[in-house]
Amino acid sequence: MNRQDILKKGIELTNGDRNATYGDITENMKGMARLLDVLMPEKAPWTAADCCTVLMANKLARELNSPQGRYTHEDNAVDGTVYWASRYECANKEKLTNPLQKD
């Protein structure tokens, strides 16, 4: 599977089955953010983009600890690219800005 295949599969999943099952990614991640606000109030408020970052970290951790070897699991590659793109979409919908960026 090459990078184009990975991206195509991610698009198919997020615009098809997953979108139909879970709805809009930003709304879905906002729901996760509300849960994280309750579970970890010391880190609140969580954003939808933060939740995508957490899921990206999960995929990276799985890759680094995979018994099959690093960087070999297709699902992590597909989901990782989807979470990265979703984080960008969520941040734009939430109108987030980079606190380190100077005006």
C-alpha atoms as a PDB file:
ATOM      1  CA  MET A   1       0.000   0.000   0.000  1.00  0.00           C
ATOM      2  CA  ASN A   2       1.444   3.378  -0.959  1.00  0.00           C
ATOM      3  CA  ARG A   3       0.660   6.850   0.412  1.00  0.00           C
ATOM      4  CA  GLN A   4      -2.038   7.481  -2.202  1.00  0.00           C
ATOM      5  CA  ASP A   5      -3.781   4.229  -1.233  1.00  0.00           C
ATOM      6  CA  ILE A   6      -3.629   5.208   2.439  1.00  0.00           C
ATOM      7  CA  LEU A   7      -5.118   8.624   1.738  1.00  0.00           C
ATOM      8  CA  LYS A   8      -7.833   7.199  -0.527  1.00  0.00           C
ATOM      9  CA  LYS A   9      -8.816   4.637   2.102  1.00  0.00           C
ATOM     10  CA  GLY A  10      -8.979   7.334   4.766  1.00  0.00           C
ATOM     11  CA  ILE A  11     -11.220   9.463   2.554  1.00  0.00           C
ATOM     12  CA  GLU A  12     -13.484   6.513   1.803  1.00  0.00           C
ATOM     13  CA  LEU A  13     -13.841   5.650   5.487  1.00  0.00           C
ATOM     14  CA  THR A  14     -14.416   9.165   6.784  1.00  0.00           C
ATOM     15  CA  ASN A  15     -16.790  10.201   4.028  1.00  0.00           C
ATOM     16  CA  GLY A  16     -18.608   6.872   4.052  1.00  0.00           C
ATOM     17  CA  ASP A  17     -19.116   4.360   6.844  1.00  0.00           C
ATOM     18  CA  ARG A  18     -17.590   6.298   9.719  1.00  0.00           C
ATOM     19  CA  ASN A  19     -19.285   9.545   8.818  1.00  0.00           C
ATOM     20  CA  ALA A  20     -22.629   7.764   8.521  1.00  0.00           C
ATOM     21  CA  THR A  21     -22.089   5.941  11.824  1.00  0.00           C
ATOM     22  CA  TYR A  22     -20.573   8.697  13.971  1.00  0.00           C
ATOM     23  CA  GLY A  23     -21.625  11.920  12.237  1.00  0.00           C
ATOM     24  CA  ASP A  24     -19.595  15.093  11.805  1.00  0.00           C
ATOM     25  CA  ILE A  25     -16.031  14.715  13.070  1.00  0.00           C
ATOM     26  CA  THR A  26     -16.004  18.037  14.913  1.00  0.00           C
ATOM     27  CA  GLU A  27     -19.241  17.290  16.752  1.00  0.00           C
ATOM     28  CA  ASN A  28     -18.000  13.797  17.563  1.00  0.00           C
ATOM     29  CA  MET A  29     -14.725  15.142  18.951  1.00  0.00           C
ATOM     30  CA  LYS A  30     -16.544  17.857  20.918  1.00  0.00           C
ATOM     31  CA  GLY A  31     -18.429  15.048  22.655  1.00  0.00           C
ATOM     32  CA  MET A  32     -15.120  13.406  23.515  1.00  0.00           C
ATOM     33  CA  ALA A  33     -13.807  16.775  24.745  1.00  0.00           C
ATOM     34  CA  ARG A  34     -16.751  17.151  27.133  1.00  0.00           C
ATOM     35  CA  LEU A  35     -15.992  13.697  28.535  1.00  0.00           C
ATOM     36  CA  LEU A  36     -12.325  14.569  28.983  1.00  0.00           C
ATOM     37  CA  ASP A  37     -13.309  17.797  30.754  1.00  0.00           C
ATOM     38  CA  VAL A  38     -15.112  15.651  33.335  1.00  0.00           C
ATOM     39  CA  LEU A  39     -12.498  12.884  33.520  1.00  0.00           C
ATOM     40  CA  MET A  40      -9.513  15.244  33.684  1.00  0.00           C
ATOM     41  CA  PRO A  41     -10.761  18.624  34.879  1.00  0.00           C
ATOM     42  CA  GLU A  42      -7.221  19.794  35.648  1.00  0.00           C
ATOM     43  CA  LYS A  43      -6.550  19.802  31.881  1.00  0.00           C
ATOM     44  CA  ALA A  44      -9.881  21.389  30.869  1.00  0.00           C
ATOM     45  CA  PRO A  45     -11.067  22.829  28.626  1.00  0.00           C
ATOM     46  CA  TRP A  46     -10.412  20.241  25.935  1.00  0.00           C
ATOM     47  CA  THR A  47     -11.158  21.036  22.310  1.00  0.00           C
ATOM     48  CA  ALA A  48     -12.172  18.782  19.447  1.00  0.00           C
ATOM     49  CA  ALA A  49      -8.721  19.398  17.939  1.00  0.00           C
ATOM     50  CA  ASP A  50      -7.099  18.288  21.230  1.00  0.00           C
ATOM     51  CA  CYS A  51      -9.035  15.042  21.022  1.00  0.00           C
ATOM     52  CA  CYS A  52      -7.721  14.398  17.516  1.00  0.00           C
ATOM     53  CA  THR A  53      -4.196  14.982  18.859  1.00  0.00           C
ATOM     54  CA  VAL A  54      -4.775  12.391  21.601  1.00  0.00           C
ATOM     55  CA  LEU A  55      -5.961   9.864  19.022  1.00  0.00           C
ATOM     56  CA  MET A  56      -2.921  10.631  16.847  1.00  0.00           C
ATOM     57  CA  ALA A  57      -0.680   9.935  19.844  1.00  0.00           C
ATOM     58  CA  ASN A  58      -2.494   6.647  20.396  1.00  0.00           C
ATOM     59  CA  LYS A  59      -1.753   5.576  16.814  1.00  0.00           C
ATOM     60  CA  LEU A  60       1.904   6.560  17.203  1.00  0.00           C
ATOM     61  CA  ALA A  61       2.193   4.600  20.445  1.00  0.00           C
ATOM     62  CA  ARG A  62       0.691   1.545  18.780  1.00  0.00           C
ATOM     63  CA  GLU A  63       3.174   1.829  15.921  1.00  0.00           C
ATOM     64  CA  LEU A  64       6.143   2.138  18.240  1.00  0.00           C
ATOM     65  CA  ASN A  65       5.063  -0.852  20.322  1.00  0.00           C
ATOM     66  CA  SER A  66       3.714  -3.132  17.610  1.00  0.00           C
ATOM     67  CA  PRO A  67       4.892  -6.746  17.862  1.00  0.00           C
ATOM     68  CA  GLN A  68       4.741  -6.847  14.045  1.00  0.00           C
ATOM     69  CA  GLY A  69       7.412  -4.171  13.778  1.00  0.00           C
ATOM     70  CA  ARG A  70       7.387  -0.430  13.559  1.00  0.00           C
ATOM     71  CA  TYR A  71       5.507   1.381  10.817  1.00  0.00           C
ATOM     72  CA  THR A  72       3.952  -1.742   9.355  1.00  0.00           C
ATOM     73  CA  HIS A  73       0.321  -1.611  10.423  1.00  0.00           C
ATOM     74  CA  GLU A  74      -1.962  -0.259   7.695  1.00  0.00           C
ATOM     75  CA  ASP A  75      -4.769   0.688  10.097  1.00  0.00           C
ATOM     76  CA  ASN A  76      -2.479   3.014  12.058  1.00  0.00           C
ATOM     77  CA  ALA A  77      -1.317   4.730   8.876  1.00  0.00           C
ATOM     78  CA  VAL A  78      -4.862   5.245   7.631  1.00  0.00           C
ATOM     79  CA  ASP A  79      -6.299   6.379  10.955  1.00  0.00           C
ATOM     80  CA  GLY A  80      -3.261   8.542  11.734  1.00  0.00           C
ATOM     81  CA  THR A  81      -3.654  10.516   8.510  1.00  0.00           C
ATOM     82  CA  VAL A  82      -7.386  10.850   9.114  1.00  0.00           C
ATOM     83  CA  TYR A  83      -6.820  12.164  12.659  1.00  0.00           C
ATOM     84  CA  TRP A  84      -4.209  14.649  11.400  1.00  0.00           C
ATOM     85  CA  ALA A  85      -6.582  15.998   8.739  1.00  0.00           C
ATOM     86  CA  SER A  86      -9.475  15.960  11.210  1.00  0.00           C
ATOM     87  CA  ARG A  87      -7.460  17.973  13.721  1.00  0.00           C
ATOM     88  CA  TYR A  88      -6.930  20.640  11.082  1.00  0.00           C
ATOM     89  CA  GLU A  89     -10.651  20.673  10.238  1.00  0.00           C
ATOM     90  CA  CYS A  90     -11.705  20.796  13.893  1.00  0.00           C
ATOM     91  CA  ALA A  91      -9.256  23.602  14.711  1.00  0.00           C
ATOM     92  CA  ASN A  92     -10.598  25.668  11.829  1.00  0.00           C
ATOM     93  CA  LYS A  93     -14.228  25.048  12.791  1.00  0.00           C
ATOM     94  CA  GLU A  94     -13.421  25.920  16.405  1.00  0.00           C
ATOM     95  CA  LYS A  95     -11.460  28.963  15.217  1.00  0.00           C
ATOM     96  CA  LEU A  96      -8.445  27.958  17.287  1.00  0.00           C
ATOM     97  CA  THR A  97      -5.251  29.935  17.016  1.00  0.00           C
ATOM     98  CA  ASN A  98      -1.705  29.004  17.828  1.00  0.00           C
ATOM     99  CA  PRO A  99      -0.827  30.582  21.182  1.00  0.00           C
ATOM    100  CA  LEU A 100       2.854  30.589  20.183  1.00  0.00           C
ATOM    101  CA  GLN A 101       2.243  32.475  16.952  1.00  0.00           C
ATOM    102  CA  LYS A 102       3.006  36.191  17.094  1.00  0.00           C
ATOM    103  CA  ASP A 103       0.588  38.607  15.446  1.00  0.00           C
END
